[in-house]
Amino acid sequence: HEEPSGAGYPSGLRGPVIFYPAKIVGLADSFCALITKRPFREAYTIEQALGIIQHEVGKYDRELVKLLVGVFGQKAKAAA
């Protein structure tokens, strides 16, 4: 997926050139991949996944990350 830093694929697009829906899909895909069990690792908890995403500065749109944390951070707290 394209990344705001320009390090993504397939075209290495940067920031505002990336369509907003593509930013949403890229973040959602990464989040889902983290919270889903894989053959090589167990699923991360929602809290762990949000932490990983927050630490990958420049990979995702900051405002979208804030929204994701706002929505799923509250759900994770409610489930605990």
C-alpha atoms as a PDB file:
ATOM      1  CA  HIS A   1       0.000   0.000   0.000  1.00  0.00           C
ATOM      2  CA  GLU A   2       1.038   3.581  -0.575  1.00  0.00           C
ATOM      3  CA  GLU A   3       2.378   5.412   2.499  1.00  0.00           C
ATOM      4  CA  PRO A   4       2.428   9.145   3.302  1.00  0.00           C
ATOM      5  CA  SER A   5       6.236   8.934   3.538  1.00  0.00           C
ATOM      6  CA  GLY A   6       6.492   7.694  -0.061  1.00  0.00           C
ATOM      7  CA  ALA A   7       7.912   4.330   1.032  1.00  0.00           C
ATOM      8  CA  GLY A   8       4.850   2.346  -0.084  1.00  0.00           C
ATOM      9  CA  TYR A   9       3.907   0.462  -3.223  1.00  0.00           C
ATOM     10  CA  PRO A  10       3.067   0.142  -6.079  1.00  0.00           C
ATOM     11  CA  SER A  11       3.964   3.716  -7.126  1.00  0.00           C
ATOM     12  CA  GLY A  12       5.744   5.268  -4.131  1.00  0.00           C
ATOM     13  CA  LEU A  13       3.184   8.079  -3.918  1.00  0.00           C
ATOM     14  CA  ARG A  14       3.538  10.675  -1.142  1.00  0.00           C
ATOM     15  CA  GLY A  15       1.069  12.355   1.213  1.00  0.00           C
ATOM     16  CA  PRO A  16      -1.685  14.364  -0.468  1.00  0.00           C
ATOM     17  CA  VAL A  17      -1.349  12.549  -3.799  1.00  0.00           C
ATOM     18  CA  ILE A  18      -2.678   9.358  -2.188  1.00  0.00           C
ATOM     19  CA  PHE A  19      -6.464   9.112  -2.432  1.00  0.00           C
ATOM     20  CA  TYR A  20      -8.126   9.292   0.983  1.00  0.00           C
ATOM     21  CA  PRO A  21     -10.024   5.993   0.519  1.00  0.00           C
ATOM     22  CA  ALA A  22      -6.698   4.287  -0.246  1.00  0.00           C
ATOM     23  CA  LYS A  23      -5.304   5.601   3.050  1.00  0.00           C
ATOM     24  CA  ILE A  24      -8.305   4.169   4.884  1.00  0.00           C
ATOM     25  CA  VAL A  25      -7.971   0.779   3.190  1.00  0.00           C
ATOM     26  CA  GLY A  26      -4.233   0.593   3.898  1.00  0.00           C
ATOM     27  CA  LEU A  27      -4.706   1.319   7.595  1.00  0.00           C
ATOM     28  CA  ALA A  28      -7.674  -1.049   7.904  1.00  0.00           C
ATOM     29  CA  ASP A  29      -5.770  -3.830   6.133  1.00  0.00           C
ATOM     30  CA  SER A  30      -2.795  -3.467   8.468  1.00  0.00           C
ATOM     31  CA  PHE A  31      -4.994  -3.339  11.570  1.00  0.00           C
ATOM     32  CA  CYS A  32      -6.927  -6.438  10.515  1.00  0.00           C
ATOM     33  CA  ALA A  33      -3.693  -8.281   9.727  1.00  0.00           C
ATOM     34  CA  LEU A  34      -2.373  -7.511  13.212  1.00  0.00           C
ATOM     35  CA  ILE A  35      -5.478  -8.671  15.099  1.00  0.00           C
ATOM     36  CA  THR A  36      -5.847 -11.852  13.033  1.00  0.00           C
ATOM     37  CA  LYS A  37      -4.025 -15.085  13.858  1.00  0.00           C
ATOM     38  CA  ARG A  38      -1.409 -15.992  11.251  1.00  0.00           C
ATOM     39  CA  PRO A  39       0.351 -19.324  10.642  1.00  0.00           C
ATOM     40  CA  PHE A  40       3.562 -17.802  12.013  1.00  0.00           C
ATOM     41  CA  ARG A  41       2.149 -15.925  15.056  1.00  0.00           C
ATOM     42  CA  GLU A  42      -0.848 -15.471  17.298  1.00  0.00           C
ATOM     43  CA  ALA A  43      -3.170 -12.509  16.855  1.00  0.00           C
ATOM     44  CA  TYR A  44      -2.225  -9.305  18.637  1.00  0.00           C
ATOM     45  CA  THR A  45      -4.743  -7.806  21.041  1.00  0.00           C
ATOM     46  CA  ILE A  46      -6.462  -4.611  19.957  1.00  0.00           C
ATOM     47  CA  GLU A  47      -4.294  -2.652  22.396  1.00  0.00           C
ATOM     48  CA  GLN A  48      -1.100  -4.212  21.024  1.00  0.00           C
ATOM     49  CA  ALA A  49      -2.156  -3.601  17.419  1.00  0.00           C
ATOM     50  CA  LEU A  50      -2.972   0.051  18.117  1.00  0.00           C
ATOM     51  CA  GLY A  51       0.406   0.475  19.806  1.00  0.00           C
ATOM     52  CA  ILE A  52       2.237  -1.020  16.832  1.00  0.00           C
ATOM     53  CA  ILE A  53       0.384   1.224  14.396  1.00  0.00           C
ATOM     54  CA  GLN A  54       1.022   4.330  16.512  1.00  0.00           C
ATOM     55  CA  HIS A  55       4.751   3.580  16.556  1.00  0.00           C
ATOM     56  CA  GLU A  56       4.975   3.229  12.772  1.00  0.00           C
ATOM     57  CA  VAL A  57       5.212   6.975  12.257  1.00  0.00           C
ATOM     58  CA  GLY A  58       4.871   8.059   8.625  1.00  0.00           C
ATOM     59  CA  LYS A  59       3.379   4.790   7.455  1.00  0.00           C
ATOM     60  CA  TYR A  60      -0.234   5.876   8.013  1.00  0.00           C
ATOM     61  CA  ASP A  61      -2.215   9.111   7.898  1.00  0.00           C
ATOM     62  CA  ARG A  62      -1.989  10.599  11.412  1.00  0.00           C
ATOM     63  CA  GLU A  63      -5.609  11.744  11.508  1.00  0.00           C
ATOM     64  CA  LEU A  64      -6.824   8.291  10.498  1.00  0.00           C
ATOM     65  CA  VAL A  65      -4.685   6.702  13.210  1.00  0.00           C
ATOM     66  CA  LYS A  66      -6.243   9.066  15.766  1.00  0.00           C
ATOM     67  CA  LEU A  67      -9.714   8.025  14.600  1.00  0.00           C
ATOM     68  CA  LEU A  68      -8.825   4.326  14.739  1.00  0.00           C
ATOM     69  CA  VAL A  69      -7.430   4.680  18.252  1.00  0.00           C
ATOM     70  CA  GLY A  70     -10.494   6.677  19.290  1.00  0.00           C
ATOM     71  CA  VAL A  71     -12.905   4.012  18.084  1.00  0.00           C
ATOM     72  CA  PHE A  72     -11.077   0.806  18.957  1.00  0.00           C
ATOM     73  CA  GLY A  73      -9.323   2.160  22.029  1.00  0.00           C
ATOM     74  CA  GLN A  74     -12.714   2.771  23.636  1.00  0.00           C
ATOM     75  CA  LYS A  75     -13.958  -0.690  22.632  1.00  0.00           C
ATOM     76  CA  ALA A  76     -10.849  -2.331  24.070  1.00  0.00           C
ATOM     77  CA  LYS A  77     -11.325  -0.491  27.380  1.00  0.00           C
ATOM     78  CA  ALA A  78     -15.013  -1.455  27.520  1.00  0.00           C
ATOM     79  CA  ALA A  79     -14.198  -5.131  26.926  1.00  0.00           C
ATOM     80  CA  ALA A  80     -11.600  -5.217  29.725  1.00  0.00           C
END
